[in-house]
Amino acid sequence: MKGFRPALATNLGVLYATDCFNLFAALKNDSVDCVFADPPFNLGKDYGRGAVKDALGRRDYLKWSFAWIDECVRLLKPGGALFVYILPSWGYHLASHMEERGMLFRHWVAMSMKGTFPRGRKLYPAHYALLYFSKGEPKTFNDMLAAYGDRGLRPGLRRLGPHVLRPRGRAGLLARARGQDAIFVTALGRSAGAGHVEASGLRGAPPTR
């Protein structure tokens, strides 16, 4: 990709250490099949640039979030998918904005936490949200494989339906895709990537924040 030098390149993909908006600006409209975003939750965490960077006012955080969502919508091909991993308290704002931008709501996946308990005057979240929207009717819907542990797939998988396998006693899903271009956007200080998906691997390019 012109103007960008990969921070990491393997036979599975390419990693770029840059602001996601820099990467978005270098990509053409309707050029990506899938975007997976795991943005900062605005909890005041220090991702290496100071905690203040993750402690925006409510309006500023939503304005920033809507800006990168709009870019993702621009980049997606018709039938492309947008996944956003976020706290429920932000999730319904982002979901509403995606709908206003013409995206089709597909599912709100509840990523279950181990347990919930009182934290101050609130409850610890029982789940995190994984928003799934598509740009019109989905072009592709691949089978999903369950994975757990550090070494990937394990024996003992059981089928829950035509598209889902789950290991006994453990949650966790691993999407299996082929021949698709994808962008992975994640929080400051973590890895992120964009590229061409072959089976469970990446080939191509990515962003971080």
C-alpha atoms as a PDB file:
ATOM      1  CA  MET A   1       0.000   0.000   0.000  1.00  0.00           C
ATOM      2  CA  LYS A   2       1.483   3.318  -1.089  1.00  0.00           C
ATOM      3  CA  GLY A   3       2.698   5.609   1.694  1.00  0.00           C
ATOM      4  CA  PHE A   4       2.641   2.879   4.342  1.00  0.00           C
ATOM      5  CA  ARG A   5       5.402   0.602   5.509  1.00  0.00           C
ATOM      6  CA  PRO A   6       4.244  -2.562   7.303  1.00  0.00           C
ATOM      7  CA  ALA A   7       5.232  -2.943  10.933  1.00  0.00           C
ATOM      8  CA  LEU A   8       4.929  -6.704  10.501  1.00  0.00           C
ATOM      9  CA  ALA A   9       4.478  -8.967   7.495  1.00  0.00           C
ATOM     10  CA  THR A  10       4.014 -12.755   7.425  1.00  0.00           C
ATOM     11  CA  ASN A  11       2.498 -15.258   5.039  1.00  0.00           C
ATOM     12  CA  LEU A  12      -0.752 -14.814   6.999  1.00  0.00           C
ATOM     13  CA  GLY A  13      -1.037 -11.050   6.680  1.00  0.00           C
ATOM     14  CA  VAL A  14       0.410  -7.577   6.989  1.00  0.00           C
ATOM     15  CA  LEU A  15       0.246  -5.252  10.012  1.00  0.00           C
ATOM     16  CA  TYR A  16       0.410  -1.457   9.814  1.00  0.00           C
ATOM     17  CA  ALA A  17       0.999   0.645  12.950  1.00  0.00           C
ATOM     18  CA  THR A  18      -0.997   3.754  12.120  1.00  0.00           C
ATOM     19  CA  ASP A  19      -4.131   5.651  13.002  1.00  0.00           C
ATOM     20  CA  CYS A  20      -7.072   3.885  11.388  1.00  0.00           C
ATOM     21  CA  PHE A  21      -8.098   7.114   9.644  1.00  0.00           C
ATOM     22  CA  ASN A  22      -4.742   7.149   7.841  1.00  0.00           C
ATOM     23  CA  LEU A  23      -5.411   3.679   6.497  1.00  0.00           C
ATOM     24  CA  PHE A  24      -9.014   4.462   5.603  1.00  0.00           C
ATOM     25  CA  ALA A  25      -7.915   7.481   3.562  1.00  0.00           C
ATOM     26  CA  ALA A  26      -5.677   5.244   1.463  1.00  0.00           C
ATOM     27  CA  LEU A  27      -8.472   2.831   0.545  1.00  0.00           C
ATOM     28  CA  LYS A  28     -11.096   3.138  -2.184  1.00  0.00           C
ATOM     29  CA  ASN A  29     -14.867   3.103  -1.769  1.00  0.00           C
ATOM     30  CA  ASP A  30     -16.538  -0.318  -1.859  1.00  0.00           C
ATOM     31  CA  SER A  31     -13.221  -2.174  -1.585  1.00  0.00           C
ATOM     32  CA  VAL A  32     -13.529  -4.236   1.613  1.00  0.00           C
ATOM     33  CA  ASP A  33     -15.639  -7.318   2.382  1.00  0.00           C
ATOM     34  CA  CYS A  34     -15.477  -7.224   6.166  1.00  0.00           C
ATOM     35  CA  VAL A  35     -14.509  -4.831   8.968  1.00  0.00           C
ATOM     36  CA  PHE A  36     -14.023  -5.928  12.576  1.00  0.00           C
ATOM     37  CA  ALA A  37     -13.596  -3.046  15.045  1.00  0.00           C
ATOM     38  CA  ASP A  38     -12.571  -3.308  18.702  1.00  0.00           C
ATOM     39  CA  PRO A  39     -12.251   0.382  19.625  1.00  0.00           C
ATOM     40  CA  PRO A  40     -11.225   1.862  22.991  1.00  0.00           C
ATOM     41  CA  PHE A  41     -14.193   1.867  25.382  1.00  0.00           C
ATOM     42  CA  ASN A  42     -13.485   5.377  26.701  1.00  0.00           C
ATOM     43  CA  LEU A  43     -12.734   4.084  30.192  1.00  0.00           C
ATOM     44  CA  GLY A  44      -9.667   6.222  30.837  1.00  0.00           C
ATOM     45  CA  LYS A  45      -7.162   3.439  30.156  1.00  0.00           C
ATOM     46  CA  ASP A  46      -3.600   4.250  29.190  1.00  0.00           C
ATOM     47  CA  TYR A  47      -2.767   2.547  25.886  1.00  0.00           C
ATOM     48  CA  GLY A  48       0.657   4.155  25.793  1.00  0.00           C
ATOM     49  CA  ARG A  49      -0.384   7.734  25.015  1.00  0.00           C
ATOM     50  CA  GLY A  50      -1.805   8.694  28.372  1.00  0.00           C
ATOM     51  CA  ALA A  51      -5.150   7.833  29.953  1.00  0.00           C
ATOM     52  CA  VAL A  52      -6.609  11.202  28.935  1.00  0.00           C
ATOM     53  CA  LYS A  53      -6.736   9.969  25.323  1.00  0.00           C
ATOM     54  CA  ASP A  54      -9.292   7.368  26.403  1.00  0.00           C
ATOM     55  CA  ALA A  55     -11.389   9.710  28.549  1.00  0.00           C
ATOM     56  CA  LEU A  56     -13.285  11.878  26.098  1.00  0.00           C
ATOM     57  CA  GLY A  57     -16.522  13.647  26.848  1.00  0.00           C
ATOM     58  CA  ARG A  58     -19.608  11.687  25.813  1.00  0.00           C
ATOM     59  CA  ARG A  59     -20.301  13.837  22.743  1.00  0.00           C
ATOM     60  CA  ASP A  60     -16.655  13.805  21.647  1.00  0.00           C
ATOM     61  CA  TYR A  61     -16.408  10.030  21.989  1.00  0.00           C
ATOM     62  CA  LEU A  62     -19.587   9.473  19.976  1.00  0.00           C
ATOM     63  CA  LYS A  63     -18.483  12.003  17.339  1.00  0.00           C
ATOM     64  CA  TRP A  64     -15.175  10.148  16.955  1.00  0.00           C
ATOM     65  CA  SER A  65     -16.948   6.777  16.872  1.00  0.00           C
ATOM     66  CA  PHE A  66     -19.432   7.903  14.241  1.00  0.00           C
ATOM     67  CA  ALA A  67     -16.550   9.223  12.118  1.00  0.00           C
ATOM     68  CA  TRP A  68     -14.718   5.890  11.890  1.00  0.00           C
ATOM     69  CA  ILE A  69     -18.007   4.025  11.417  1.00  0.00           C
ATOM     70  CA  ASP A  70     -18.826   6.288   8.458  1.00  0.00           C
ATOM     71  CA  GLU A  71     -15.450   5.454   6.940  1.00  0.00           C
ATOM     72  CA  CYS A  72     -16.070   1.748   7.430  1.00  0.00           C
ATOM     73  CA  VAL A  73     -19.441   2.043   5.689  1.00  0.00           C
ATOM     74  CA  ARG A  74     -17.779   3.876   2.801  1.00  0.00           C
ATOM     75  CA  LEU A  75     -15.160   1.168   2.375  1.00  0.00           C
ATOM     76  CA  LEU A  76     -17.496  -1.815   2.550  1.00  0.00           C
ATOM     77  CA  LYS A  77     -18.586  -3.476  -0.648  1.00  0.00           C
ATOM     78  CA  PRO A  78     -22.312  -4.084  -1.136  1.00  0.00           C
ATOM     79  CA  GLY A  79     -23.081  -7.139   0.981  1.00  0.00           C
ATOM     80  CA  GLY A  80     -20.015  -6.520   3.180  1.00  0.00           C
ATOM     81  CA  ALA A  81     -20.112  -6.987   6.958  1.00  0.00           C
ATOM     82  CA  LEU A  82     -19.245  -4.666   9.852  1.00  0.00           C
ATOM     83  CA  PHE A  83     -18.618  -6.114  13.309  1.00  0.00           C
ATOM     84  CA  VAL A  84     -18.105  -3.810  16.316  1.00  0.00           C
ATOM     85  CA  TYR A  85     -17.032  -5.120  19.728  1.00  0.00           C
ATOM     86  CA  ILE A  86     -18.152  -2.602  22.340  1.00  0.00           C
ATOM     87  CA  LEU A  87     -19.703  -2.079  25.756  1.00  0.00           C
ATOM     88  CA  PRO A  88     -23.528  -2.239  25.694  1.00  0.00           C
ATOM     89  CA  SER A  89     -23.670   1.315  27.096  1.00  0.00           C
ATOM     90  CA  TRP A  90     -22.090   2.533  23.830  1.00  0.00           C
ATOM     91  CA  GLY A  91     -23.427  -0.225  21.629  1.00  0.00           C
ATOM     92  CA  TYR A  92     -26.967   1.049  21.254  1.00  0.00           C
ATOM     93  CA  HIS A  93     -25.679   4.493  20.185  1.00  0.00           C
ATOM     94  CA  LEU A  94     -23.399   2.968  17.560  1.00  0.00           C
ATOM     95  CA  ALA A  95     -26.079   0.555  16.352  1.00  0.00           C
ATOM     96  CA  SER A  96     -28.527   3.425  15.862  1.00  0.00           C
ATOM     97  CA  HIS A  97     -25.931   5.379  13.884  1.00  0.00           C
ATOM     98  CA  MET A  98     -25.146   2.413  11.631  1.00  0.00           C
ATOM     99  CA  GLU A  99     -28.834   2.005  10.889  1.00  0.00           C
ATOM    100  CA  GLU A 100     -29.086   5.708  10.032  1.00  0.00           C
ATOM    101  CA  ARG A 101     -26.243   5.187   7.560  1.00  0.00           C
ATOM    102  CA  GLY A 102     -28.244   2.549   5.742  1.00  0.00           C
ATOM    103  CA  MET A 103     -26.604  -0.514   7.247  1.00  0.00           C
ATOM    104  CA  LEU A 104     -28.755  -3.592   7.779  1.00  0.00           C
ATOM    105  CA  PHE A 105     -28.959  -4.893  11.355  1.00  0.00           C
ATOM    106  CA  ARG A 106     -28.122  -8.583  11.453  1.00  0.00           C
ATOM    107  CA  HIS A 107     -27.490  -9.408  15.084  1.00  0.00           C
ATOM    108  CA  TRP A 108     -26.428  -8.211  18.532  1.00  0.00           C
ATOM    109  CA  VAL A 109     -24.152 -10.998  19.739  1.00  0.00           C
ATOM    110  CA  ALA A 110     -23.859 -11.131  23.536  1.00  0.00           C
ATOM    111  CA  MET A 111     -20.277 -12.048  24.464  1.00  0.00           C
ATOM    112  CA  SER A 112     -20.924 -13.525  27.891  1.00  0.00           C
ATOM    113  CA  MET A 113     -18.703 -12.576  30.821  1.00  0.00           C
ATOM    114  CA  LYS A 114     -17.801 -15.039  33.577  1.00  0.00           C
ATOM    115  CA  GLY A 115     -20.146 -13.326  36.003  1.00  0.00           C
ATOM    116  CA  THR A 116     -21.616 -10.038  37.057  1.00  0.00           C
ATOM    117  CA  PHE A 117     -21.307  -8.384  40.446  1.00  0.00           C
ATOM    118  CA  PRO A 118     -21.891  -4.995  42.060  1.00  0.00           C
ATOM    119  CA  ARG A 119     -19.198  -2.407  41.285  1.00  0.00           C
ATOM    120  CA  GLY A 120     -19.788   0.803  43.175  1.00  0.00           C
ATOM    121  CA  ARG A 121     -23.364   1.796  42.393  1.00  0.00           C
ATOM    122  CA  LYS A 122     -23.470  -0.239  39.177  1.00  0.00           C
ATOM    123  CA  LEU A 123     -23.313  -3.874  38.110  1.00  0.00           C
ATOM    124  CA  TYR A 124     -20.296  -5.222  36.298  1.00  0.00           C
ATOM    125  CA  PRO A 125     -21.381  -5.989  32.690  1.00  0.00           C
ATOM    126  CA  ALA A 126     -22.773  -9.494  32.250  1.00  0.00           C
ATOM    127  CA  HIS A 127     -21.896  -9.298  28.556  1.00  0.00           C
ATOM    128  CA  TYR A 128     -20.087  -7.233  25.955  1.00  0.00           C
ATOM    129  CA  ALA A 129     -21.772  -6.471  22.661  1.00  0.00           C
ATOM    130  CA  LEU A 130     -20.639  -7.646  19.246  1.00  0.00           C
ATOM    131  CA  LEU A 131     -22.711  -5.686  16.735  1.00  0.00           C
ATOM    132  CA  TYR A 132     -23.157  -7.300  13.342  1.00  0.00           C
ATOM    133  CA  PHE A 133     -24.408  -5.155  10.459  1.00  0.00           C
ATOM    134  CA  SER A 134     -24.183  -5.643   6.717  1.00  0.00           C
ATOM    135  CA  LYS A 135     -24.262  -3.260   3.761  1.00  0.00           C
ATOM    136  CA  GLY A 136     -27.485  -4.600   2.299  1.00  0.00           C
ATOM    137  CA  GLU A 137     -28.125  -8.315   2.164  1.00  0.00           C
ATOM    138  CA  PRO A 138     -24.983 -10.269   3.160  1.00  0.00           C
ATOM    139  CA  LYS A 139     -22.827 -11.352   0.263  1.00  0.00           C
ATOM    140  CA  THR A 140     -21.181 -14.128   2.264  1.00  0.00           C
ATOM    141  CA  PHE A 141     -22.094 -16.043   5.396  1.00  0.00           C
ATOM    142  CA  ASN A 142     -19.411 -18.580   6.253  1.00  0.00           C
ATOM    143  CA  ASP A 143     -19.551 -21.419   8.700  1.00  0.00           C
ATOM    144  CA  MET A 144     -18.076 -20.602  12.101  1.00  0.00           C
ATOM    145  CA  LEU A 145     -15.676 -22.741  14.075  1.00  0.00           C
ATOM    146  CA  ALA A 146     -15.254 -22.714  17.840  1.00  0.00           C
ATOM    147  CA  ALA A 147     -11.738 -22.303  19.198  1.00  0.00           C
ATOM    148  CA  TYR A 148     -10.307 -22.259  22.696  1.00  0.00           C
ATOM    149  CA  GLY A 149      -6.895 -22.431  24.272  1.00  0.00           C
ATOM    150  CA  ASP A 150      -3.690 -21.025  22.835  1.00  0.00           C
ATOM    151  CA  ARG A 151      -3.248 -23.663  20.181  1.00  0.00           C
ATOM    152  CA  GLY A 152      -6.419 -23.130  18.228  1.00  0.00           C
ATOM    153  CA  LEU A 153      -9.025 -25.784  17.529  1.00  0.00           C
ATOM    154  CA  ARG A 154      -9.403 -28.682  19.899  1.00  0.00           C
ATOM    155  CA  PRO A 155     -11.185 -32.030  19.703  1.00  0.00           C
ATOM    156  CA  GLY A 156     -14.569 -32.278  21.343  1.00  0.00           C
ATOM    157  CA  LEU A 157     -16.416 -29.745  19.197  1.00  0.00           C
ATOM    158  CA  ARG A 158     -20.159 -30.107  18.986  1.00  0.00           C
ATOM    159  CA  ARG A 159     -22.442 -28.602  16.362  1.00  0.00           C
ATOM    160  CA  LEU A 160     -25.078 -26.155  17.613  1.00  0.00           C
ATOM    161  CA  GLY A 161     -26.567 -25.436  14.210  1.00  0.00           C
ATOM    162  CA  PRO A 162     -25.682 -25.245  10.533  1.00  0.00           C
ATOM    163  CA  HIS A 163     -23.211 -22.390  11.065  1.00  0.00           C
ATOM    164  CA  VAL A 164     -21.837 -22.852  14.587  1.00  0.00           C
ATOM    165  CA  LEU A 165     -19.592 -25.318  16.350  1.00  0.00           C
ATOM    166  CA  ARG A 166     -18.849 -24.995  20.032  1.00  0.00           C
ATOM    167  CA  PRO A 167     -16.388 -26.902  22.251  1.00  0.00           C
ATOM    168  CA  ARG A 168     -17.883 -28.638  25.240  1.00  0.00           C
ATOM    169  CA  GLY A 169     -17.891 -26.382  28.289  1.00  0.00           C
ATOM    170  CA  ARG A 170     -16.275 -23.407  26.527  1.00  0.00           C
ATOM    171  CA  ALA A 171     -17.505 -20.495  24.476  1.00  0.00           C
ATOM    172  CA  GLY A 172     -15.640 -18.688  21.735  1.00  0.00           C
ATOM    173  CA  LEU A 173     -16.193 -18.595  18.015  1.00  0.00           C
ATOM    174  CA  LEU A 174     -13.670 -18.423  15.205  1.00  0.00           C
ATOM    175  CA  ALA A 175     -14.994 -17.220  11.864  1.00  0.00           C
ATOM    176  CA  ARG A 176     -13.831 -19.151   8.846  1.00  0.00           C
ATOM    177  CA  ALA A 177     -13.691 -17.096   5.676  1.00  0.00           C
ATOM    178  CA  ARG A 178     -12.145 -17.543   2.266  1.00  0.00           C
ATOM    179  CA  GLY A 179     -11.268 -15.099  -0.465  1.00  0.00           C
ATOM    180  CA  GLN A 180     -12.387 -11.964   1.355  1.00  0.00           C
ATOM    181  CA  ASP A 181     -10.693  -8.638   2.059  1.00  0.00           C
ATOM    182  CA  ALA A 182     -10.988  -7.597   5.690  1.00  0.00           C
ATOM    183  CA  ILE A 183      -9.949  -4.799   8.037  1.00  0.00           C
ATOM    184  CA  PHE A 184      -9.373  -5.366  11.741  1.00  0.00           C
ATOM    185  CA  VAL A 185      -9.369  -2.235  13.913  1.00  0.00           C
ATOM    186  CA  THR A 186      -8.516  -2.552  17.586  1.00  0.00           C
ATOM    187  CA  ALA A 187      -7.695  -0.412  20.606  1.00  0.00           C
ATOM    188  CA  LEU A 188      -4.587   1.741  21.083  1.00  0.00           C
ATOM    189  CA  GLY A 189      -1.553  -0.317  21.915  1.00  0.00           C
ATOM    190  CA  ARG A 190      -2.982  -3.568  20.523  1.00  0.00           C
ATOM    191  CA  SER A 191      -2.439  -5.232  17.189  1.00  0.00           C
ATOM    192  CA  ALA A 192      -4.731  -4.530  14.290  1.00  0.00           C
ATOM    193  CA  GLY A 193      -4.795  -5.505  10.717  1.00  0.00           C
ATOM    194  CA  ALA A 194      -6.422  -5.411   7.365  1.00  0.00           C
ATOM    195  CA  GLY A 195      -5.931  -7.909   4.652  1.00  0.00           C
ATOM    196  CA  HIS A 196      -7.125 -10.695   2.443  1.00  0.00           C
ATOM    197  CA  VAL A 197      -8.595 -13.639   4.319  1.00  0.00           C
ATOM    198  CA  GLU A 198      -7.633 -17.125   3.217  1.00  0.00           C
ATOM    199  CA  ALA A 199      -9.231 -19.751   5.432  1.00  0.00           C
ATOM    200  CA  SER A 200      -8.361 -18.532   8.940  1.00  0.00           C
ATOM    201  CA  GLY A 201      -5.362 -16.475   7.838  1.00  0.00           C
ATOM    202  CA  LEU A 202      -4.824 -12.941   6.632  1.00  0.00           C
ATOM    203  CA  ARG A 203      -3.088 -11.725   3.526  1.00  0.00           C
ATOM    204  CA  GLY A 204      -2.971  -8.034   2.877  1.00  0.00           C
ATOM    205  CA  ALA A 205      -2.855  -4.916   5.111  1.00  0.00           C
ATOM    206  CA  PRO A 206      -4.041  -3.353   8.582  1.00  0.00           C
ATOM    207  CA  PRO A 207      -4.388  -0.411  11.105  1.00  0.00           C
ATOM    208  CA  THR A 208      -3.932   0.274  14.824  1.00  0.00           C
ATOM    209  CA  ARG A 209      -4.810   3.168  17.035  1.00  0.00           C
END
